[in-house]
N, C-alpha and C. Protein backbone atom coordinates (compact mmCIF):
# COMPACT_ATOMS: atom_id res chain seq x y z
N MET A 1 39.62 6.26 4.60
CA MET A 1 39.54 7.23 3.15
C MET A 1 38.29 6.06 2.17
N ILE A 2 37.33 6.70 1.79
CA ILE A 2 36.33 6.36 0.80
C ILE A 2 36.89 6.79 -0.66
N THR A 3 36.99 5.81 -1.53
CA THR A 3 37.36 5.89 -2.64
C THR A 3 35.82 6.30 -3.79
N ALA A 4 36.07 6.94 -4.85
CA ALA A 4 34.91 7.03 -5.68
C ALA A 4 34.18 5.82 -5.87
N GLY A 5 34.87 4.77 -6.61
CA GLY A 5 33.70 3.57 -6.13
C GLY A 5 33.06 3.19 -5.14
N LEU A 6 33.80 3.01 -4.05
CA LEU A 6 33.20 2.99 -2.92
C LEU A 6 31.66 4.05 -2.67
N ARG A 7 31.76 4.98 -3.00
CA ARG A 7 30.83 6.22 -2.62
C ARG A 7 29.62 5.84 -3.87
N ILE A 8 30.03 5.73 -5.06
CA ILE A 8 29.12 5.28 -5.72
C ILE A 8 28.08 3.90 -5.57
N VAL A 9 28.69 3.13 -4.88
CA VAL A 9 28.17 1.85 -4.40
C VAL A 9 27.33 2.24 -3.32
N LEU A 10 27.87 3.05 -2.20
CA LEU A 10 26.84 3.42 -1.10
C LEU A 10 25.59 4.44 -1.50
N LEU A 11 26.11 5.07 -2.39
CA LEU A 11 24.74 5.95 -3.02
C LEU A 11 23.67 5.17 -3.88
N LEU A 12 24.37 4.16 -4.44
CA LEU A 12 23.11 3.03 -5.05
C LEU A 12 22.28 2.51 -3.99
N PHE A 13 23.29 1.95 -2.67
CA PHE A 13 22.40 1.47 -1.71
C PHE A 13 21.51 2.35 -0.90
N ALA A 14 21.85 3.43 -1.18
CA ALA A 14 21.05 4.52 -0.37
C ALA A 14 19.78 4.80 -1.23
N ALA A 15 20.01 4.97 -2.65
CA ALA A 15 18.98 5.08 -3.33
C ALA A 15 17.78 3.90 -3.26
N ALA A 16 18.19 2.88 -3.26
CA ALA A 16 17.80 1.50 -2.96
C ALA A 16 16.71 1.63 -1.78
N GLY A 17 17.54 2.11 -0.64
CA GLY A 17 16.62 2.09 0.32
C GLY A 17 15.70 3.16 0.84
N PHE A 18 16.16 4.23 -0.11
CA PHE A 18 15.31 5.48 0.13
C PHE A 18 13.75 5.23 -0.85
N ALA A 19 13.98 4.30 -1.91
CA ALA A 19 13.10 4.18 -2.75
C ALA A 19 11.93 2.90 -2.39
N GLY A 20 12.67 2.11 -1.83
CA GLY A 20 12.00 1.14 -0.93
C GLY A 20 11.04 1.53 0.21
N ALA A 21 11.80 2.85 1.04
CA ALA A 21 10.81 3.63 2.07
C ALA A 21 9.82 4.01 1.44
N GLY A 22 9.69 4.78 0.04
CA GLY A 22 8.81 5.54 -0.46
C GLY A 22 7.71 4.61 -0.79
N ALA A 23 8.28 3.13 -1.25
CA ALA A 23 6.98 2.27 -1.94
C ALA A 23 6.39 1.75 -0.80
N ALA A 24 7.01 1.83 0.29
CA ALA A 24 6.53 1.08 1.75
C ALA A 24 5.54 2.07 2.17
N LEU A 25 5.94 3.19 2.15
CA LEU A 25 5.07 4.46 2.39
C LEU A 25 3.55 4.62 1.85
N ALA A 26 3.74 4.15 0.35
CA ALA A 26 2.66 4.10 -0.47
C ALA A 26 1.78 3.17 0.04
N VAL A 27 2.18 1.80 0.01
CA VAL A 27 1.37 0.68 0.77
C VAL A 27 0.75 1.12 1.76
N VAL A 28 1.52 1.70 2.87
CA VAL A 28 1.15 2.02 4.35
C VAL A 28 -0.18 2.89 3.90
N ARG A 29 -0.54 3.95 3.35
CA ARG A 29 -1.39 4.75 2.81
C ARG A 29 -2.87 4.33 2.09
N GLN A 30 -2.25 3.31 1.34
CA GLN A 30 -3.19 2.82 0.39
C GLN A 30 -4.11 1.73 1.70
N ARG A 31 -3.24 0.91 2.34
CA ARG A 31 -3.92 0.05 3.21
C ARG A 31 -4.80 0.65 4.26
N PHE A 32 -4.42 1.88 4.44
CA PHE A 32 -4.91 2.81 5.77
C PHE A 32 -6.40 3.22 4.93
N LEU A 33 -6.38 3.58 3.76
CA LEU A 33 -7.46 3.95 2.98
C LEU A 33 -8.44 3.05 2.76
N VAL A 34 -7.91 2.00 2.44
CA VAL A 34 -8.87 0.92 2.02
C VAL A 34 -9.51 0.11 3.31
N GLU A 35 -8.38 -0.34 3.93
CA GLU A 35 -8.54 -1.35 5.25
C GLU A 35 -9.19 -0.48 6.84
N GLY A 36 -8.74 1.10 6.59
CA GLY A 36 -9.12 1.63 7.86
C GLY A 36 -8.06 1.71 8.84
N GLU A 37 -7.06 0.30 8.58
CA GLU A 37 -6.21 -0.04 9.69
C GLU A 37 -5.08 0.61 9.42
N ARG A 38 -4.08 0.82 10.37
CA ARG A 38 -2.16 0.92 10.32
C ARG A 38 -1.71 -0.22 10.13
N ASP A 39 -0.72 -0.48 8.90
CA ASP A 39 -0.13 -1.64 8.95
C ASP A 39 1.35 -1.68 9.45
N ALA A 40 1.65 -1.69 11.06
CA ALA A 40 2.57 -1.46 11.74
C ALA A 40 4.02 -1.92 11.19
N GLY A 41 3.62 -3.31 10.75
CA GLY A 41 4.77 -4.20 10.14
C GLY A 41 5.52 -2.98 8.57
N MET A 42 4.54 -2.84 7.76
CA MET A 42 5.21 -2.11 6.96
C MET A 42 5.69 -0.73 7.28
N VAL A 43 4.90 0.06 8.37
CA VAL A 43 5.73 1.46 9.02
C VAL A 43 7.57 0.82 9.48
N SER A 44 7.38 -0.44 10.19
CA SER A 44 8.32 -0.43 10.57
C SER A 44 9.36 -0.85 9.36
N VAL A 45 9.27 -1.48 8.10
CA VAL A 45 9.82 -1.64 7.18
C VAL A 45 10.50 -0.36 6.60
N ALA A 46 9.64 0.52 6.41
CA ALA A 46 9.89 1.89 5.86
C ALA A 46 10.32 2.66 6.82
N ILE A 47 10.86 2.57 8.06
CA ILE A 47 11.54 3.10 8.91
C ILE A 47 12.85 2.63 9.00
N ILE A 48 12.92 1.05 8.59
CA ILE A 48 14.47 0.37 8.68
C ILE A 48 15.01 0.97 7.28
N LEU A 49 14.27 1.09 6.04
CA LEU A 49 14.94 1.46 4.95
C LEU A 49 15.31 2.86 5.19
N MET A 50 14.36 3.59 5.54
CA MET A 50 15.00 5.04 5.65
C MET A 50 16.16 5.22 6.63
N ILE A 51 16.30 4.48 7.26
CA ILE A 51 17.56 4.50 8.22
C ILE A 51 18.79 3.77 7.72
N PHE A 52 18.39 2.97 6.72
CA PHE A 52 19.48 2.52 6.02
C PHE A 52 20.03 3.28 5.19
N GLY A 53 18.97 3.62 4.38
CA GLY A 53 19.26 4.74 3.24
C GLY A 53 20.00 5.70 3.52
N ALA A 54 19.75 6.44 4.74
CA ALA A 54 20.43 7.71 5.77
C ALA A 54 21.71 7.36 5.80
N LEU A 55 21.90 6.20 6.36
CA LEU A 55 23.26 5.96 7.01
C LEU A 55 24.34 5.45 5.45
N CYS A 56 23.66 4.99 4.39
CA CYS A 56 24.65 4.94 3.39
C CYS A 56 24.93 6.21 2.84
N ALA A 57 23.70 7.11 2.62
CA ALA A 57 24.11 8.46 2.00
C ALA A 57 24.89 9.23 2.79
N LEU A 58 25.14 9.13 4.38
CA LEU A 58 25.68 9.98 5.15
C LEU A 58 27.07 9.67 5.05
N VAL A 59 27.35 8.14 4.99
CA VAL A 59 29.01 7.84 5.07
C VAL A 59 29.09 8.27 3.73
N ALA A 60 28.56 8.15 2.27
CA ALA A 60 28.95 8.20 1.20
C ALA A 60 29.57 9.69 1.08
N VAL A 61 28.33 10.58 1.30
CA VAL A 61 28.57 12.18 1.01
C VAL A 61 28.75 13.13 2.15
N GLY A 62 27.54 12.69 3.23
CA GLY A 62 27.69 13.56 4.12
C GLY A 62 26.25 14.05 4.63
N PRO A 63 25.92 14.82 5.60
CA PRO A 63 24.45 15.02 5.82
C PRO A 63 23.45 15.56 4.74
N GLY A 64 24.20 16.20 4.09
CA GLY A 64 23.25 17.03 3.04
C GLY A 64 22.57 16.16 1.95
N ALA A 65 23.50 14.64 1.81
CA ALA A 65 22.77 13.94 0.85
C ALA A 65 21.81 13.22 1.63
N VAL A 66 21.27 13.13 2.45
CA VAL A 66 19.99 12.67 3.27
C VAL A 66 18.82 13.26 3.12
N ALA A 67 19.19 14.61 3.25
CA ALA A 67 17.76 15.32 2.27
C ALA A 67 17.89 15.60 1.43
N GLY A 68 18.79 15.89 0.42
CA GLY A 68 19.16 16.33 -0.66
C GLY A 68 18.75 15.01 -2.05
N PHE A 69 19.43 14.13 -1.83
CA PHE A 69 19.35 12.95 -2.55
C PHE A 69 18.17 12.02 -2.04
N GLY A 70 18.61 11.74 -0.74
CA GLY A 70 17.07 10.63 -0.10
C GLY A 70 15.37 11.12 -0.18
N GLY A 71 15.71 12.60 0.68
CA GLY A 71 14.15 13.09 0.04
C GLY A 71 13.60 13.16 -1.53
N VAL A 72 14.42 13.23 -2.57
CA VAL A 72 13.98 13.35 -3.68
C VAL A 72 13.58 11.91 -4.11
N VAL A 73 14.39 11.03 -3.74
CA VAL A 73 14.27 9.77 -4.11
C VAL A 73 13.01 8.82 -3.46
N LEU A 74 13.08 9.19 -2.33
CA LEU A 74 11.82 8.81 -1.43
C LEU A 74 10.55 9.65 -1.91
N TRP A 75 10.44 10.88 -2.44
CA TRP A 75 9.26 11.29 -2.64
C TRP A 75 8.73 10.71 -4.36
N ILE A 76 9.86 10.36 -4.87
CA ILE A 76 9.54 10.02 -6.24
C ILE A 76 9.03 8.61 -6.51
N SER A 77 9.79 7.55 -5.58
CA SER A 77 9.47 6.58 -5.20
C SER A 77 7.84 6.22 -4.82
N TYR A 78 7.31 7.18 -3.45
CA TYR A 78 6.05 7.33 -3.03
C TYR A 78 5.27 8.02 -4.16
N VAL A 79 5.31 8.80 -4.86
CA VAL A 79 4.55 9.40 -5.87
C VAL A 79 4.44 8.24 -6.96
N VAL A 80 5.19 7.36 -7.34
CA VAL A 80 5.45 6.45 -8.59
C VAL A 80 4.62 4.87 -7.87
N GLY A 81 4.75 4.61 -6.68
CA GLY A 81 4.00 3.86 -5.88
C GLY A 81 2.37 3.97 -5.24
N ALA A 82 2.29 5.07 -5.33
CA ALA A 82 1.01 5.42 -4.58
C ALA A 82 0.21 5.72 -6.32
N GLN A 83 0.91 5.83 -7.51
CA GLN A 83 0.35 6.31 -8.51
C GLN A 83 0.05 4.52 -9.27
N GLN A 84 0.66 3.65 -8.85
CA GLN A 84 0.46 2.44 -9.17
C GLN A 84 -0.83 1.51 -8.50
N LEU A 85 -0.71 2.06 -7.05
CA LEU A 85 -1.56 1.50 -6.34
C LEU A 85 -2.80 2.13 -6.60
N GLY A 86 -2.80 3.16 -7.15
CA GLY A 86 -4.32 3.77 -7.49
C GLY A 86 -4.84 4.75 -6.59
N LEU A 87 -3.95 5.34 -5.67
CA LEU A 87 -4.37 6.31 -5.01
C LEU A 87 -4.73 7.60 -5.72
N PHE A 88 -3.80 8.17 -6.49
CA PHE A 88 -4.22 9.21 -7.60
C PHE A 88 -3.65 8.97 -8.86
N HIS A 89 -3.86 10.03 -9.57
CA HIS A 89 -3.55 9.73 -10.98
C HIS A 89 -2.72 10.97 -11.41
N VAL A 90 -1.31 11.06 -12.03
CA VAL A 90 -0.72 11.91 -12.63
C VAL A 90 -0.85 11.84 -13.92
N ALA A 91 -1.34 13.03 -14.57
CA ALA A 91 -1.40 12.95 -16.14
C ALA A 91 -0.78 14.47 -16.55
N THR A 92 -0.40 14.10 -17.96
CA THR A 92 0.36 15.68 -18.36
C THR A 92 -0.57 15.35 -19.73
N GLY A 93 -0.25 16.73 -20.41
CA GLY A 93 -1.10 16.86 -21.46
C GLY A 93 -1.39 18.22 -21.73
N PRO A 94 -2.03 18.73 -22.71
CA PRO A 94 -2.60 19.95 -23.04
C PRO A 94 -3.32 20.82 -21.69
N PRO A 95 -3.38 21.81 -21.25
CA PRO A 95 -4.30 22.42 -20.23
C PRO A 95 -5.83 22.39 -20.68
N ARG A 96 -6.76 22.05 -19.95
CA ARG A 96 -8.24 22.11 -20.28
C ARG A 96 -8.54 23.47 -20.27
N THR A 97 -9.69 23.69 -20.97
CA THR A 97 -10.09 25.15 -21.20
C THR A 97 -11.23 25.06 -19.94
N THR A 98 -11.45 25.99 -19.15
CA THR A 98 -12.34 26.37 -18.14
C THR A 98 -13.74 26.70 -18.83
N ALA A 99 -14.56 26.78 -18.12
CA ALA A 99 -15.88 27.11 -18.44
C ALA A 99 -16.12 28.52 -18.79
N LEU A 100 -15.38 29.64 -18.01
CA LEU A 100 -15.18 30.95 -18.40
C LEU A 100 -14.11 31.25 -19.67
N GLU A 101 -13.63 30.22 -20.18
CA GLU A 101 -12.74 30.49 -21.14
C GLU A 101 -13.42 30.15 -22.50
N GLU A 102 -14.45 29.23 -22.09
CA GLU A 102 -15.43 28.67 -23.42
C GLU A 102 -16.42 29.71 -23.41
N THR A 103 -16.97 30.14 -22.41
CA THR A 103 -17.93 31.45 -22.85
C THR A 103 -17.29 32.75 -23.30
N ARG A 104 -15.97 32.97 -23.20
CA ARG A 104 -15.29 33.92 -23.88
C ARG A 104 -14.52 33.60 -25.13
N GLY A 105 -15.08 32.53 -25.72
CA GLY A 105 -14.42 32.17 -27.06
C GLY A 105 -13.07 31.20 -26.81
N GLY A 106 -12.94 30.67 -26.03
CA GLY A 106 -11.58 30.01 -25.72
C GLY A 106 -10.11 30.38 -26.32
N ARG A 107 -9.91 31.35 -25.77
CA ARG A 107 -8.91 31.97 -26.23
C ARG A 107 -7.60 31.27 -25.54
């Protein structure tokens, strides 16, 4: 029987594993774009961290947590890591006006 405290600890470990996997995938993509080569070592690190995170989430909550919790943490980690590496830029602010709106008076 798994206690509530153990579930929280397992989910924290799962979050760390999925976050590390997302960051490793961002590094793999950045190195591929810059150097033109696949980094097999970093790919294997990402796979190992994904397996670790999946096992922790599976034991803590069940199979739904692997996709529901792990997928979200992995994706957020990838986006933050890739943005830090300069692969793309996510910005917020007021919407820009298009050329068509400028000719119509910028409604």
